[in-house]
Structures are given as C-alpha cells and as structure tokens.
Amino acid sequence: MAKTAGVPTGNTAGSTVAYTFLATNTGNVTLTGLVINDAQLDAPAVCAATTLAPTASTLCTGTHTITQAE
C-alpha cells in the first residue's frame, strides 16, 4: 500500500486534501472486497477495482476535509 497526499485546496476549514492509494496484492491468492479505510478520510476510499489477482494493483482515491481544529 502506498499513500500520496495531494495539494490542499486552501488552508482554512472546509478546504480539502485529496489522497491517492496504490493497493497491490503481493500474495498468491485473489483478494476480493477491497476497501481502504483511513482515519484521515471523510469516507472509505473509492477503488477502481475491488478484486485483485496476485500481483495486480489498483488506484483508490479519497478526500479529507480540513476542520477548524486542524
């Protein structure tokens, strides 16, 4: 799993940060039902594929909304 943060849309509450995840199946069996949950995301990431054969990869994206406390 590799996680990359994009450039924030601003520096005030309500601004957003886009995240990209590269998920790779490094095992030897097919993975099904892939879900990426991250504490920084507003909701689970959306993945291009949710089933990964061995050695396959997929990109997932999610968004974090900056709060006043941050």
Protein backbone atom coordinates (compact mmCIF):
# COMPACT_ATOMS: atom_id res chain seq x y z
CA MET A 1 0.00 0.00 0.00
CA ALA A 2 1.32 3.40 -0.96
CA LYS A 3 -0.46 6.61 0.11
CA THR A 4 0.07 10.00 -1.52
CA ALA A 5 -1.44 13.33 -0.43
CA GLY A 6 -2.37 15.98 -2.95
CA VAL A 7 -2.10 19.74 -2.54
CA PRO A 8 -4.76 21.19 -0.22
CA THR A 9 -7.39 23.38 -1.89
CA GLY A 10 -6.74 26.00 0.79
CA ASN A 11 -5.65 26.48 4.38
CA THR A 12 -8.99 27.17 6.05
CA ALA A 13 -11.72 24.97 7.49
CA GLY A 14 -13.67 23.37 4.66
CA SER A 15 -10.67 23.11 2.34
CA THR A 16 -9.94 19.59 1.13
CA VAL A 17 -6.96 17.31 0.58
CA ALA A 18 -7.19 14.53 -2.00
CA TYR A 19 -5.43 11.25 -1.23
CA THR A 20 -4.41 8.52 -3.66
CA PHE A 21 -3.70 4.95 -2.58
CA LEU A 22 -1.96 2.33 -4.69
CA ALA A 23 -3.03 -1.09 -3.44
CA THR A 24 -1.07 -4.10 -4.67
CA ASN A 25 -1.82 -7.75 -3.97
CA THR A 26 1.56 -9.16 -3.01
CA GLY A 27 0.08 -12.51 -2.03
CA ASN A 28 -0.57 -15.63 -4.08
CA VAL A 29 -4.40 -15.70 -3.87
CA THR A 30 -7.00 -13.35 -5.32
CA LEU A 31 -8.27 -10.65 -2.93
CA THR A 32 -11.96 -9.72 -3.06
CA GLY A 33 -13.95 -6.97 -1.39
CA LEU A 34 -11.05 -4.49 -1.21
CA VAL A 35 -11.91 -1.50 0.99
CA ILE A 36 -9.50 1.25 2.02
CA ASN A 37 -10.35 2.90 5.35
CA ASP A 38 -8.07 5.64 6.64
CA ALA A 39 -8.62 7.83 9.68
CA GLN A 40 -7.82 10.93 7.61
CA LEU A 41 -10.55 10.26 5.03
CA ASP A 42 -14.10 11.59 5.22
CA ALA A 43 -15.36 8.22 3.88
CA PRO A 44 -13.75 4.99 2.65
CA ALA A 45 -11.65 5.47 -0.48
CA VAL A 46 -13.17 4.63 -3.85
CA CYS A 47 -11.17 1.99 -5.74
CA ALA A 48 -11.06 1.36 -9.48
CA ALA A 49 -11.16 -2.39 -8.71
CA THR A 50 -12.22 -4.24 -5.58
CA THR A 51 -10.90 -7.64 -6.68
CA LEU A 52 -7.16 -8.08 -7.17
CA ALA A 53 -5.45 -11.12 -8.64
CA PRO A 54 -1.96 -11.93 -7.36
CA THR A 55 0.50 -9.14 -8.33
CA ALA A 56 -2.36 -6.88 -9.57
CA SER A 57 -2.70 -3.27 -8.43
CA THR A 58 -5.45 -0.69 -8.31
CA LEU A 59 -5.71 3.02 -7.55
CA CYS A 60 -8.06 4.29 -4.87
CA THR A 61 -8.94 7.89 -4.07
CA GLY A 62 -10.38 9.66 -1.05
CA THR A 63 -10.80 13.13 0.39
CA HIS A 64 -10.18 14.75 3.75
CA THR A 65 -11.94 17.98 4.70
CA ILE A 66 -9.87 20.27 6.90
CA THR A 67 -11.60 21.16 10.17
CA GLN A 68 -11.32 24.30 12.31
CA ALA A 69 -9.40 22.31 14.94
CA GLU A 70 -6.72 21.39 12.39
